[in-house]
Amino acid sequence: MDYIPNYKNYSLDELLDAQKYIDKESFPQRAQELELEIANKLKDPEIKAEFEELETNKRYATFWPRFWAAIIDGLIFTALLYIECLLFGVEYSHQNMVLQAVNGVQYIGYVVFMHGFYGQTLGKMVMDVKVLDHDTETDITLKQSVRRESVNIAINSSWILLLLSISISLQQLGSVPEVLTYLIMGLSSLATVWALSEFITMLFNEKRRAIHDFIGKTVVVRL
């Protein structure tokens, strides 16, 4: 004889866990009983408030999924840059600032496009998270996607201008002016501070929004 669980003795967490794993096709009546018992539990205002808070926390707990999504996207673009170097006969090097600037431009274009039209990069698709409008939690616009990446766009644009200035200086003067060296050091420091502040900001707000989310009025959620 099959064991018949008494769902009335289950806590809400146990009911939700049972609902997650029950075979609804094999046990339709039990599935229905589960749904009814969950609904009954949620009639208690205190339990309902705790449940809603738990669900909200789960939905916005995106720090690690976003971290791994960034790693995945970074690996994709490192491989892409390496392939481009092979195709164009350029020696690949992490120290080559021109190559890294080109990679940065490509990466930002990719991020803006993917977020603007799909709300996800390939990395975010793998990690099951998505960028949404903060106020409505609907798909973001291309304009929001651009605004969200505005600081990265500014930093990469500055890199390109600096590299062009260095190239012109080498051609005309045969050396790099000291001021350009300081500008490169300053921009490198700024980029590092920006990257760190993005991660730190995510740790200190309920919805795990980074600074660029506040700029773009966006939020990242689990699907």
N, C-alpha and C. Protein backbone atom coordinates (compact mmCIF):
# COMPACT_ATOMS: atom_id res chain seq x y z
N MET A 1 0.85 -1.20 0.00
CA MET A 1 0.00 0.00 0.00
C MET A 1 0.89 1.25 0.00
N ASP A 2 0.57 2.20 -0.87
CA ASP A 2 1.36 3.42 -0.98
C ASP A 2 1.22 4.28 0.26
N TYR A 3 2.35 4.92 0.63
CA TYR A 3 2.33 5.86 1.76
C TYR A 3 1.58 7.12 1.34
N ILE A 4 0.65 7.56 2.17
CA ILE A 4 -0.11 8.78 1.88
C ILE A 4 0.31 9.85 2.88
N PRO A 5 1.02 10.88 2.41
CA PRO A 5 1.50 11.92 3.32
C PRO A 5 0.36 12.77 3.85
N ASN A 6 0.51 13.22 5.08
CA ASN A 6 -0.47 14.14 5.68
C ASN A 6 0.08 15.56 5.57
N TYR A 7 -0.32 16.26 4.51
CA TYR A 7 0.24 17.57 4.23
C TYR A 7 -0.12 18.62 5.28
N LYS A 8 -1.15 18.35 6.08
CA LYS A 8 -1.55 19.31 7.11
C LYS A 8 -0.47 19.47 8.18
N ASN A 9 0.37 18.45 8.33
CA ASN A 9 1.44 18.51 9.33
C ASN A 9 2.73 19.11 8.77
N TYR A 10 2.73 19.45 7.47
CA TYR A 10 3.93 19.98 6.83
C TYR A 10 4.05 21.49 7.10
N SER A 11 5.29 21.96 7.20
CA SER A 11 5.52 23.41 7.24
C SER A 11 5.43 23.94 5.81
N LEU A 12 5.41 25.27 5.66
CA LEU A 12 5.32 25.85 4.31
C LEU A 12 6.54 25.47 3.48
N ASP A 13 7.71 25.50 4.08
CA ASP A 13 8.93 25.12 3.36
C ASP A 13 8.86 23.68 2.87
N GLU A 14 8.36 22.79 3.72
CA GLU A 14 8.23 21.38 3.34
C GLU A 14 7.20 21.19 2.22
N LEU A 15 6.11 21.96 2.30
CA LEU A 15 5.08 21.89 1.25
C LEU A 15 5.65 22.36 -0.09
N LEU A 16 6.38 23.47 -0.06
CA LEU A 16 6.97 24.01 -1.30
C LEU A 16 8.00 23.05 -1.88
N ASP A 17 8.77 22.42 -1.00
CA ASP A 17 9.76 21.44 -1.43
C ASP A 17 9.08 20.23 -2.06
N ALA A 18 7.99 19.76 -1.43
CA ALA A 18 7.24 18.62 -1.96
C ALA A 18 6.61 18.97 -3.31
N GLN A 19 6.12 20.20 -3.42
CA GLN A 19 5.49 20.64 -4.68
C GLN A 19 6.51 20.67 -5.82
N LYS A 20 7.74 21.02 -5.48
CA LYS A 20 8.80 21.11 -6.48
C LYS A 20 9.12 19.75 -7.10
N TYR A 21 9.04 18.70 -6.29
CA TYR A 21 9.50 17.38 -6.76
C TYR A 21 8.39 16.37 -7.06
N ILE A 22 7.14 16.71 -6.77
CA ILE A 22 6.07 15.75 -6.98
C ILE A 22 5.81 15.51 -8.47
N ASP A 23 5.53 14.29 -8.84
CA ASP A 23 5.17 13.94 -10.22
C ASP A 23 3.66 14.19 -10.37
N LYS A 24 3.33 15.32 -10.99
CA LYS A 24 1.92 15.73 -11.09
C LYS A 24 1.09 14.80 -11.97
N GLU A 25 1.73 14.18 -12.94
CA GLU A 25 1.00 13.26 -13.82
C GLU A 25 0.66 11.96 -13.10
N SER A 26 1.58 11.47 -12.29
CA SER A 26 1.35 10.21 -11.56
C SER A 26 0.48 10.41 -10.32
N PHE A 27 0.61 11.60 -9.72
CA PHE A 27 -0.14 11.87 -8.48
C PHE A 27 -0.90 13.19 -8.57
N PRO A 28 -1.88 13.29 -9.47
CA PRO A 28 -2.60 14.55 -9.65
C PRO A 28 -3.36 14.99 -8.40
N GLN A 29 -3.92 14.02 -7.68
CA GLN A 29 -4.69 14.37 -6.48
C GLN A 29 -3.79 14.94 -5.38
N ARG A 30 -2.63 14.32 -5.21
CA ARG A 30 -1.68 14.81 -4.21
C ARG A 30 -1.19 16.22 -4.57
N ALA A 31 -0.95 16.42 -5.86
CA ALA A 31 -0.51 17.74 -6.32
C ALA A 31 -1.56 18.80 -5.99
N GLN A 32 -2.81 18.42 -6.19
CA GLN A 32 -3.92 19.33 -5.90
C GLN A 32 -4.01 19.61 -4.39
N GLU A 33 -3.82 18.57 -3.60
CA GLU A 33 -3.84 18.72 -2.14
C GLU A 33 -2.71 19.64 -1.67
N LEU A 34 -1.56 19.49 -2.30
CA LEU A 34 -0.42 20.35 -1.97
C LEU A 34 -0.74 21.82 -2.23
N GLU A 35 -1.29 22.09 -3.42
CA GLU A 35 -1.63 23.46 -3.78
C GLU A 35 -2.64 24.05 -2.80
N LEU A 36 -3.62 23.24 -2.41
CA LEU A 36 -4.65 23.69 -1.47
C LEU A 36 -4.04 23.99 -0.10
N GLU A 37 -3.14 23.11 0.35
CA GLU A 37 -2.53 23.29 1.66
C GLU A 37 -1.60 24.50 1.68
N ILE A 38 -0.89 24.72 0.57
CA ILE A 38 -0.03 25.91 0.46
C ILE A 38 -0.87 27.18 0.54
N ALA A 39 -1.99 27.17 -0.20
CA ALA A 39 -2.90 28.32 -0.18
C ALA A 39 -3.43 28.58 1.23
N ASN A 40 -3.74 27.51 1.96
CA ASN A 40 -4.24 27.64 3.33
C ASN A 40 -3.17 28.24 4.25
N LYS A 41 -1.92 27.77 4.07
CA LYS A 41 -0.82 28.29 4.89
C LYS A 41 -0.63 29.79 4.66
N LEU A 42 -0.77 30.20 3.38
CA LEU A 42 -0.52 31.60 3.02
C LEU A 42 -1.65 32.53 3.45
N LYS A 43 -2.70 31.98 4.00
CA LYS A 43 -3.78 32.82 4.54
C LYS A 43 -3.35 33.49 5.85
N ASP A 44 -2.35 32.88 6.48
CA ASP A 44 -1.79 33.47 7.70
C ASP A 44 -0.91 34.66 7.30
N PRO A 45 -1.26 35.91 7.70
CA PRO A 45 -0.52 37.10 7.27
C PRO A 45 0.97 37.05 7.59
N GLU A 46 1.32 36.49 8.75
CA GLU A 46 2.73 36.42 9.15
C GLU A 46 3.50 35.46 8.26
N ILE A 47 2.93 34.29 8.00
CA ILE A 47 3.57 33.31 7.12
C ILE A 47 3.68 33.86 5.70
N LYS A 48 2.62 34.54 5.25
CA LYS A 48 2.62 35.11 3.90
C LYS A 48 3.71 36.16 3.75
N ALA A 49 3.87 37.01 4.77
CA ALA A 49 4.90 38.06 4.73
C ALA A 49 6.29 37.44 4.68
N GLU A 50 6.52 36.39 5.48
CA GLU A 50 7.82 35.70 5.47
C GLU A 50 8.09 35.05 4.12
N PHE A 51 7.04 34.45 3.55
CA PHE A 51 7.16 33.78 2.25
C PHE A 51 7.51 34.79 1.16
N GLU A 52 6.81 35.93 1.16
CA GLU A 52 7.06 36.96 0.14
C GLU A 52 8.47 37.53 0.26
N GLU A 53 8.92 37.70 1.50
CA GLU A 53 10.28 38.20 1.72
C GLU A 53 11.31 37.20 1.22
N LEU A 54 11.07 35.92 1.50
CA LEU A 54 11.97 34.86 1.05
C LEU A 54 12.04 34.80 -0.47
N GLU A 55 10.87 34.88 -1.12
CA GLU A 55 10.81 34.83 -2.58
C GLU A 55 11.51 36.03 -3.20
N THR A 56 11.33 37.20 -2.58
CA THR A 56 11.98 38.42 -3.06
C THR A 56 13.49 38.30 -2.96
N ASN A 57 13.96 37.80 -1.81
CA ASN A 57 15.40 37.62 -1.62
C ASN A 57 15.99 36.65 -2.63
N LYS A 58 15.27 35.57 -2.92
CA LYS A 58 15.73 34.60 -3.91
C LYS A 58 15.81 35.23 -5.30
N ARG A 59 14.80 36.02 -5.63
CA ARG A 59 14.71 36.63 -6.97
C ARG A 59 15.88 37.58 -7.24
N TYR A 60 16.29 38.31 -6.21
CA TYR A 60 17.34 39.31 -6.40
C TYR A 60 18.73 38.85 -5.95
N ALA A 61 18.85 37.61 -5.51
CA ALA A 61 20.15 37.08 -5.09
C ALA A 61 20.96 36.70 -6.33
N THR A 62 21.53 37.72 -6.97
CA THR A 62 22.16 37.51 -8.28
C THR A 62 23.67 37.76 -8.30
N PHE A 63 24.27 38.00 -7.13
CA PHE A 63 25.70 38.34 -7.12
C PHE A 63 26.54 37.27 -7.80
N TRP A 64 26.44 36.03 -7.32
CA TRP A 64 27.27 34.95 -7.88
C TRP A 64 26.87 34.58 -9.30
N PRO A 65 25.58 34.49 -9.64
CA PRO A 65 25.23 34.24 -11.05
C PRO A 65 25.79 35.31 -11.99
N ARG A 66 25.76 36.57 -11.56
CA ARG A 66 26.30 37.65 -12.39
C ARG A 66 27.82 37.54 -12.49
N PHE A 67 28.45 37.17 -11.39
CA PHE A 67 29.91 37.00 -11.39
C PHE A 67 30.32 35.94 -12.40
N TRP A 68 29.67 34.76 -12.34
CA TRP A 68 30.01 33.68 -13.26
C TRP A 68 29.60 34.01 -14.69
N ALA A 69 28.51 34.77 -14.85
CA ALA A 69 28.11 35.21 -16.20
C ALA A 69 29.19 36.09 -16.82
N ALA A 70 29.77 36.98 -16.00
CA ALA A 70 30.84 37.85 -16.48
C ALA A 70 32.08 37.03 -16.86
N ILE A 71 32.38 36.00 -16.07
CA ILE A 71 33.51 35.12 -16.39
C ILE A 71 33.28 34.42 -17.73
N ILE A 72 32.07 33.90 -17.92
CA ILE A 72 31.73 33.20 -19.18
C ILE A 72 31.86 34.14 -20.37
N ASP A 73 31.29 35.35 -20.24
CA ASP A 73 31.37 36.32 -21.34
C ASP A 73 32.82 36.73 -21.60
N GLY A 74 33.60 36.87 -20.52
CA GLY A 74 35.01 37.22 -20.67
C GLY A 74 35.79 36.15 -21.41
N LEU A 75 35.52 34.89 -21.10
CA LEU A 75 36.19 33.77 -21.79
C LEU A 75 35.81 33.73 -23.26
N ILE A 76 34.53 34.00 -23.54
CA ILE A 76 34.06 34.02 -24.93
C ILE A 76 34.82 35.08 -25.72
N PHE A 77 34.98 36.27 -25.13
CA PHE A 77 35.64 37.35 -25.87
C PHE A 77 37.15 37.21 -25.91
N THR A 78 37.73 36.55 -24.94
CA THR A 78 39.17 36.25 -25.02
C THR A 78 39.43 35.30 -26.19
N ALA A 79 38.56 34.28 -26.31
CA ALA A 79 38.68 33.33 -27.42
C ALA A 79 38.45 34.03 -28.76
N LEU A 80 37.46 34.93 -28.79
CA LEU A 80 37.16 35.67 -30.03
C LEU A 80 38.34 36.52 -30.45
N LEU A 81 38.94 37.21 -29.48
CA LEU A 81 40.09 38.07 -29.78
C LEU A 81 41.27 37.23 -30.28
N TYR A 82 41.48 36.07 -29.69
CA TYR A 82 42.56 35.19 -30.11
C TYR A 82 42.35 34.73 -31.56
N ILE A 83 41.11 34.38 -31.89
CA ILE A 83 40.77 33.95 -33.26
C ILE A 83 41.00 35.10 -34.24
N GLU A 84 40.61 36.31 -33.84
CA GLU A 84 40.81 37.49 -34.71
C GLU A 84 42.29 37.74 -34.95
N CYS A 85 43.10 37.53 -33.91
CA CYS A 85 44.55 37.70 -34.05
C CYS A 85 45.12 36.70 -35.06
N LEU A 86 44.64 35.46 -35.01
CA LEU A 86 45.08 34.44 -35.96
C LEU A 86 44.68 34.81 -37.38
N LEU A 87 43.46 35.29 -37.53
CA LEU A 87 42.94 35.64 -38.86
C LEU A 87 43.70 36.82 -39.48
N PHE A 88 44.06 37.81 -38.64
CA PHE A 88 44.70 39.02 -39.16
C PHE A 88 46.22 39.02 -38.97
N GLY A 89 46.75 37.89 -38.49
CA GLY A 89 48.20 37.77 -38.37
C GLY A 89 48.81 38.68 -37.32
N VAL A 90 48.08 38.92 -36.24
CA VAL A 90 48.57 39.78 -35.16
C VAL A 90 48.93 38.89 -33.97
N GLU A 91 50.05 39.19 -33.33
CA GLU A 91 50.47 38.39 -32.17
C GLU A 91 49.60 38.73 -30.96
N TYR A 92 48.99 37.70 -30.37
CA TYR A 92 48.11 37.91 -29.21
C TYR A 92 48.93 38.14 -27.95
N SER A 93 48.55 39.17 -27.19
CA SER A 93 49.22 39.43 -25.92
C SER A 93 48.29 40.21 -24.99
N HIS A 94 48.26 39.79 -23.72
CA HIS A 94 47.46 40.51 -22.72
C HIS A 94 48.04 41.90 -22.47
N GLN A 95 49.32 42.08 -22.78
CA GLN A 95 49.99 43.36 -22.53
C GLN A 95 49.77 44.36 -23.66
N ASN A 96 49.23 43.89 -24.79
CA ASN A 96 49.00 44.76 -25.94
C ASN A 96 47.76 45.62 -25.69
N MET A 97 47.98 46.91 -25.40
CA MET A 97 46.88 47.80 -25.05
C MET A 97 45.92 48.03 -26.21
N VAL A 98 46.46 48.04 -27.43
CA VAL A 98 45.60 48.24 -28.61
C VAL A 98 44.62 47.08 -28.74
N LEU A 99 45.14 45.86 -28.60
CA LEU A 99 44.28 44.68 -28.67
C LEU A 99 43.21 44.70 -27.59
N GLN A 100 43.61 45.06 -26.37
CA GLN A 100 42.65 45.09 -25.27
C GLN A 100 41.61 46.18 -25.46
N ALA A 101 42.01 47.30 -26.07
CA ALA A 101 41.06 48.38 -26.36
C ALA A 101 40.04 47.92 -27.41
N VAL A 102 40.54 47.22 -28.45
CA VAL A 102 39.65 46.68 -29.48
C VAL A 102 38.68 45.69 -28.85
N ASN A 103 39.21 44.83 -27.99
CA ASN A 103 38.37 43.85 -27.31
C ASN A 103 37.32 44.54 -26.44
N GLY A 104 37.73 45.62 -25.78
CA GLY A 104 36.82 46.38 -24.93
C GLY A 104 35.67 46.98 -25.72
N VAL A 105 35.98 47.54 -26.89
CA VAL A 105 34.95 48.13 -27.76
C VAL A 105 33.97 47.06 -28.22
N GLN A 106 34.52 45.92 -28.66
CA GLN A 106 33.66 44.81 -29.11
C GLN A 106 32.77 44.31 -27.98
N TYR A 107 33.37 44.21 -26.80
CA TYR A 107 32.62 43.68 -25.64
C TYR A 107 31.47 44.60 -25.25
N ILE A 108 31.74 45.90 -25.22
CA ILE A 108 30.69 46.85 -24.85
C ILE A 108 29.57 46.84 -25.89
N GLY A 109 29.95 46.78 -27.18
CA GLY A 109 28.93 46.70 -28.23
C GLY A 109 28.06 45.46 -28.07
N TYR A 110 28.70 44.36 -27.74
CA TYR A 110 27.98 43.09 -27.51
C TYR A 110 27.03 43.19 -26.32
N VAL A 111 27.53 43.74 -25.21
CA VAL A 111 26.71 43.86 -24.00
C VAL A 111 25.52 44.78 -24.23
N VAL A 112 25.77 45.94 -24.85
CA VAL A 112 24.68 46.90 -25.13
C VAL A 112 23.63 46.26 -26.03
N PHE A 113 24.07 45.59 -27.08
CA PHE A 113 23.13 44.96 -28.02
C PHE A 113 22.33 43.85 -27.34
N MET A 114 23.01 42.94 -26.66
CA MET A 114 22.33 41.79 -26.04
C MET A 114 21.36 42.22 -24.94
N HIS A 115 21.79 43.17 -24.10
CA HIS A 115 20.89 43.64 -23.05
C HIS A 115 19.72 44.44 -23.64
N GLY A 116 20.02 45.26 -24.66
CA GLY A 116 18.98 46.09 -25.25
C GLY A 116 17.90 45.30 -25.96
N PHE A 117 18.27 44.17 -26.56
CA PHE A 117 17.29 43.39 -27.33
C PHE A 117 16.83 42.10 -26.63
N TYR A 118 17.67 41.55 -25.75
CA TYR A 118 17.32 40.28 -25.11
C TYR A 118 17.32 40.34 -23.58
N GLY A 119 17.92 41.38 -23.02
CA GLY A 119 18.01 41.47 -21.56
C GLY A 119 19.07 40.56 -20.97
N GLN A 120 19.79 39.83 -21.82
CA GLN A 120 20.78 38.86 -21.35
C GLN A 120 21.96 38.77 -22.31
N THR A 121 23.14 38.63 -21.76
CA THR A 121 24.29 38.21 -22.56
C THR A 121 24.28 36.68 -22.58
N LEU A 122 25.19 36.09 -23.32
CA LEU A 122 25.26 34.62 -23.35
C LEU A 122 25.55 34.07 -21.95
N GLY A 123 26.42 34.77 -21.23
CA GLY A 123 26.74 34.35 -19.86
C GLY A 123 25.52 34.38 -18.95
N LYS A 124 24.73 35.43 -19.07
CA LYS A 124 23.51 35.54 -18.25
C LYS A 124 22.49 34.48 -18.65
N MET A 125 22.45 34.13 -19.94
CA MET A 125 21.54 33.07 -20.38
C MET A 125 21.91 31.74 -19.72
N VAL A 126 23.21 31.47 -19.68
CA VAL A 126 23.68 30.23 -19.05
C VAL A 126 23.34 30.22 -17.56
N MET A 127 23.48 31.38 -16.91
CA MET A 127 23.27 31.47 -15.46
C MET A 127 21.83 31.79 -15.08
N ASP A 128 20.95 31.91 -16.08
CA ASP A 128 19.51 32.12 -15.82
C ASP A 128 19.21 33.40 -15.05
N VAL A 129 19.84 34.50 -15.45
CA VAL A 129 19.50 35.81 -14.88
C VAL A 129 19.23 36.77 -16.03
N LYS A 130 18.47 37.83 -15.74
CA LYS A 130 18.08 38.75 -16.80
C LYS A 130 18.01 40.18 -16.27
N VAL A 131 18.36 41.15 -17.14
CA VAL A 131 18.27 42.57 -16.81
C VAL A 131 16.87 43.07 -17.15
N LEU A 132 16.22 43.70 -16.16
CA LEU A 132 14.88 44.25 -16.36
C LEU A 132 14.83 45.70 -15.92
N ASP A 133 13.80 46.41 -16.36
CA ASP A 133 13.55 47.77 -15.89
C ASP A 133 13.25 47.71 -14.39
N HIS A 134 13.86 48.59 -13.61
CA HIS A 134 13.70 48.52 -12.16
C HIS A 134 12.26 48.79 -11.70
N ASP A 135 11.62 49.77 -12.30
CA ASP A 135 10.28 50.17 -11.84
C ASP A 135 9.18 49.21 -12.25
N THR A 136 9.28 48.69 -13.49
CA THR A 136 8.19 47.86 -14.02
C THR A 136 8.54 46.38 -14.09
N GLU A 137 9.84 46.07 -13.96
CA GLU A 137 10.34 44.69 -14.12
C GLU A 137 9.89 44.09 -15.45
N THR A 138 9.96 44.92 -16.49
CA THR A 138 9.73 44.48 -17.86
C THR A 138 11.05 44.65 -18.63
N ASP A 139 11.06 44.23 -19.90
CA ASP A 139 12.28 44.32 -20.70
C ASP A 139 12.79 45.76 -20.78
N ILE A 140 14.11 45.91 -20.76
CA ILE A 140 14.68 47.25 -20.86
C ILE A 140 14.78 47.67 -22.32
N THR A 141 14.96 48.97 -22.54
CA THR A 141 15.10 49.51 -23.88
C THR A 141 16.58 49.58 -24.26
N LEU A 142 16.84 49.79 -25.54
CA LEU A 142 18.23 49.95 -26.00
C LEU A 142 18.84 51.20 -25.37
N LYS A 143 18.04 52.24 -25.19
CA LYS A 143 18.51 53.47 -24.56
C LYS A 143 18.98 53.20 -23.13
N GLN A 144 18.21 52.41 -22.39
CA GLN A 144 18.60 52.04 -21.03
C GLN A 144 19.89 51.23 -21.03
N SER A 145 20.02 50.35 -22.02
CA SER A 145 21.21 49.52 -22.12
C SER A 145 22.46 50.38 -22.35
N VAL A 146 22.31 51.40 -23.21
CA VAL A 146 23.43 52.32 -23.47
C VAL A 146 23.77 53.11 -22.21
N ARG A 147 22.73 53.62 -21.55
CA ARG A 147 22.93 54.41 -20.33
C ARG A 147 23.59 53.55 -19.24
N ARG A 148 23.19 52.30 -19.17
CA ARG A 148 23.72 51.35 -18.18
C ARG A 148 25.23 51.15 -18.37
N GLU A 149 25.68 51.19 -19.61
CA GLU A 149 27.10 50.98 -19.92
C GLU A 149 27.86 52.28 -20.16
N SER A 150 27.24 53.42 -19.82
CA SER A 150 27.81 54.73 -20.16
C SER A 150 29.20 54.95 -19.56
N VAL A 151 29.43 54.51 -18.33
CA VAL A 151 30.74 54.71 -17.71
C VAL A 151 31.80 53.86 -18.41
N ASN A 152 31.47 52.60 -18.71
CA ASN A 152 32.40 51.74 -19.45
C ASN A 152 32.69 52.29 -20.84
N ILE A 153 31.66 52.85 -21.48
CA ILE A 153 31.84 53.47 -22.80
C ILE A 153 32.81 54.64 -22.69
N ALA A 154 32.63 55.47 -21.64
CA ALA A 154 33.51 56.63 -21.44
C ALA A 154 34.95 56.20 -21.17
N ILE A 155 35.13 55.17 -20.34
CA ILE A 155 36.48 54.69 -20.02
C ILE A 155 37.17 54.13 -21.26
N ASN A 156 36.45 53.32 -22.03
CA ASN A 156 37.05 52.74 -23.24
C ASN A 156 37.32 53.78 -24.31
N SER A 157 36.44 54.77 -24.42
CA SER A 157 36.66 55.86 -25.38
C SER A 157 37.92 56.63 -25.00
N SER A 158 38.11 56.85 -23.70
CA SER A 158 39.31 57.55 -23.21
C SER A 158 40.57 56.75 -23.52
N TRP A 159 40.48 55.41 -23.36
CA TRP A 159 41.62 54.54 -23.69
C TRP A 159 42.01 54.71 -25.15
N ILE A 160 41.01 54.69 -26.02
CA ILE A 160 41.28 54.79 -27.46
C ILE A 160 41.92 56.13 -27.80
N LEU A 161 41.40 57.22 -27.20
CA LEU A 161 41.98 58.56 -27.44
C LEU A 161 43.42 58.62 -26.95
N LEU A 162 43.68 58.01 -25.80
CA LEU A 162 45.04 57.99 -25.27
C LEU A 162 45.99 57.20 -26.17
N LEU A 163 45.51 56.06 -26.65
CA LEU A 163 46.34 55.23 -27.54
C LEU A 163 46.64 55.95 -28.84
N LEU A 164 45.65 56.67 -29.36
CA LEU A 164 45.87 57.46 -30.58
C LEU A 164 46.89 58.57 -30.32
N SER A 165 46.78 59.21 -29.16
CA SER A 165 47.72 60.28 -28.80
C SER A 165 49.14 59.74 -28.67
N ILE A 166 49.27 58.56 -28.07
CA ILE A 166 50.58 57.92 -27.93
C ILE A 166 51.17 57.59 -29.30
N SER A 167 50.32 57.04 -30.18
CA SER A 167 50.77 56.68 -31.52
C SER A 167 51.26 57.91 -32.29
N ILE A 168 50.50 58.99 -32.20
CA ILE A 168 50.88 60.24 -32.90
C ILE A 168 52.17 60.80 -32.32
N SER A 169 52.30 60.76 -30.99
CA SER A 169 53.50 61.27 -30.32
C SER A 169 54.74 60.48 -30.74
N LEU A 170 54.60 59.16 -30.83
CA LEU A 170 55.73 58.32 -31.23
C LEU A 170 56.16 58.62 -32.66
N GLN A 171 55.18 58.88 -33.53
CA GLN A 171 55.48 59.17 -34.93
C GLN A 171 56.14 60.54 -35.09
N GLN A 172 55.63 61.52 -34.34
CA GLN A 172 56.11 62.89 -34.52
C GLN A 172 57.31 63.24 -33.64
N LEU A 173 57.32 62.71 -32.41
CA LEU A 173 58.37 63.08 -31.45
C LEU A 173 59.36 61.95 -31.17
N GLY A 174 58.93 60.72 -31.47
CA GLY A 174 59.79 59.58 -31.20
C GLY A 174 59.77 59.15 -29.74
N SER A 175 58.90 59.77 -28.96
CA SER A 175 58.79 59.42 -27.53
C SER A 175 57.37 59.73 -27.04
N VAL A 176 57.08 59.26 -25.85
CA VAL A 176 55.75 59.49 -25.25
C VAL A 176 55.87 60.57 -24.18
N PRO A 177 55.13 61.67 -24.32
CA PRO A 177 55.17 62.73 -23.31
C PRO A 177 54.81 62.20 -21.92
N GLU A 178 55.42 62.78 -20.91
CA GLU A 178 55.21 62.33 -19.53
C GLU A 178 53.74 62.44 -19.12
N VAL A 179 53.07 63.47 -19.62
CA VAL A 179 51.67 63.69 -19.25
C VAL A 179 50.79 62.52 -19.70
N LEU A 180 51.10 61.93 -20.87
CA LEU A 180 50.33 60.79 -21.36
C LEU A 180 50.54 59.56 -20.47
N THR A 181 51.77 59.41 -19.99
CA THR A 181 52.07 58.30 -19.08
C THR A 181 51.24 58.41 -17.81
N TYR A 182 51.16 59.63 -17.27
CA TYR A 182 50.36 59.85 -16.06
C TYR A 182 48.87 59.64 -16.32
N LEU A 183 48.43 60.05 -17.51
CA LEU A 183 47.02 59.87 -17.86
C LEU A 183 46.66 58.38 -17.95
N ILE A 184 47.58 57.59 -18.52
CA ILE A 184 47.35 56.14 -18.61
C ILE A 184 47.27 55.52 -17.21
N MET A 185 48.19 55.93 -16.34
CA MET A 185 48.17 55.42 -14.96
C MET A 185 46.88 55.81 -14.25
N GLY A 186 46.47 57.07 -14.46
CA GLY A 186 45.25 57.56 -13.83
C GLY A 186 44.02 56.83 -14.33
N LEU A 187 43.97 56.61 -15.65
CA LEU A 187 42.81 55.92 -16.23
C LEU A 187 42.77 54.46 -15.79
N SER A 188 43.93 53.83 -15.67
CA SER A 188 43.99 52.44 -15.18
C SER A 188 43.46 52.35 -13.76
N SER A 189 43.87 53.31 -12.93
CA SER A 189 43.40 53.35 -11.54
C SER A 189 41.90 53.58 -11.49
N LEU A 190 41.41 54.50 -12.33
CA LEU A 190 39.98 54.81 -12.37
C LEU A 190 39.17 53.58 -12.77
N ALA A 191 39.66 52.85 -13.78
CA ALA A 191 38.96 51.64 -14.24
C ALA A 191 38.91 50.58 -13.13
N THR A 192 40.02 50.45 -12.38
CA THR A 192 40.06 49.48 -11.28
C THR A 192 39.09 49.87 -10.17
N VAL A 193 39.10 51.16 -9.80
CA VAL A 193 38.19 51.65 -8.75
C VAL A 193 36.74 51.45 -9.17
N TRP A 194 36.44 51.74 -10.44
CA TRP A 194 35.07 51.57 -10.95
C TRP A 194 34.64 50.10 -10.85
N ALA A 195 35.51 49.20 -11.29
CA ALA A 195 35.17 47.76 -11.26
C ALA A 195 34.92 47.29 -9.82
N LEU A 196 35.78 47.72 -8.89
CA LEU A 196 35.62 47.32 -7.49
C LEU A 196 34.35 47.91 -6.88
N SER A 197 34.07 49.17 -7.19
CA SER A 197 32.88 49.83 -6.64
C SER A 197 31.60 49.16 -7.13
N GLU A 198 31.64 48.63 -8.35
CA GLU A 198 30.48 47.92 -8.89
C GLU A 198 30.16 46.70 -8.02
N PHE A 199 31.19 45.91 -7.72
CA PHE A 199 30.98 44.71 -6.91
C PHE A 199 30.58 45.06 -5.48
N ILE A 200 31.23 46.07 -4.90
CA ILE A 200 30.94 46.45 -3.52
C ILE A 200 29.50 46.95 -3.38
N THR A 201 29.07 47.77 -4.34
CA THR A 201 27.71 48.32 -4.29
C THR A 201 26.66 47.21 -4.27
N MET A 202 26.90 46.15 -5.03
CA MET A 202 25.95 45.04 -5.10
C MET A 202 25.72 44.38 -3.74
N LEU A 203 26.72 44.45 -2.87
CA LEU A 203 26.63 43.77 -1.58
C LEU A 203 25.81 44.54 -0.55
N PHE A 204 25.53 45.81 -0.84
CA PHE A 204 24.92 46.66 0.19
C PHE A 204 23.56 47.23 -0.19
N ASN A 205 22.81 46.53 -1.02
CA ASN A 205 21.41 46.91 -1.25
C ASN A 205 20.60 45.65 -1.48
N GLU A 206 19.33 45.72 -1.15
CA GLU A 206 18.47 44.52 -1.13
C GLU A 206 18.36 43.83 -2.48
N LYS A 207 18.34 44.61 -3.55
CA LYS A 207 18.14 44.02 -4.87
C LYS A 207 19.45 43.75 -5.61
N ARG A 208 20.57 43.88 -4.88
CA ARG A 208 21.89 43.57 -5.45
C ARG A 208 22.15 44.35 -6.74
N ARG A 209 21.79 45.64 -6.71
CA ARG A 209 22.02 46.48 -7.88
C ARG A 209 23.42 47.08 -7.83
N ALA A 210 24.13 47.02 -8.96
CA ALA A 210 25.43 47.67 -9.08
C ALA A 210 25.20 49.13 -9.48
N ILE A 211 26.27 49.93 -9.47
CA ILE A 211 26.12 51.35 -9.80
C ILE A 211 25.51 51.51 -11.19
N HIS A 212 25.95 50.68 -12.16
CA HIS A 212 25.42 50.83 -13.51
C HIS A 212 23.93 50.51 -13.58
N ASP A 213 23.42 49.71 -12.63
CA ASP A 213 21.98 49.46 -12.57
C ASP A 213 21.23 50.71 -12.12
N PHE A 214 21.81 51.44 -11.18
CA PHE A 214 21.19 52.69 -10.74
C PHE A 214 21.21 53.72 -11.86
N ILE A 215 22.31 53.76 -12.62
CA ILE A 215 22.41 54.70 -13.75
C ILE A 215 21.38 54.36 -14.82
N GLY A 216 21.25 53.08 -15.13
CA GLY A 216 20.32 52.65 -16.19
C GLY A 216 18.91 52.40 -15.71
N LYS A 217 18.68 52.56 -14.39
CA LYS A 217 17.36 52.26 -13.79
C LYS A 217 16.94 50.83 -14.10
N THR A 218 17.87 49.91 -13.83
CA THR A 218 17.63 48.49 -14.12
C THR A 218 17.84 47.64 -12.87
N VAL A 219 17.44 46.40 -12.96
CA VAL A 219 17.67 45.43 -11.90
C VAL A 219 17.86 44.07 -12.55
N VAL A 220 18.71 43.23 -11.96
CA VAL A 220 18.95 41.89 -12.49
C VAL A 220 18.23 40.88 -11.60
N VAL A 221 17.48 39.98 -12.22
CA VAL A 221 16.69 39.01 -11.46
C VAL A 221 17.00 37.59 -11.92
N ARG A 222 16.74 36.64 -11.03
CA ARG A 222 16.80 35.23 -11.39
C ARG A 222 15.54 34.85 -12.14
N LEU A 223 15.67 33.98 -13.12
CA LEU A 223 14.50 33.53 -13.87
C LEU A 223 13.94 32.24 -13.27
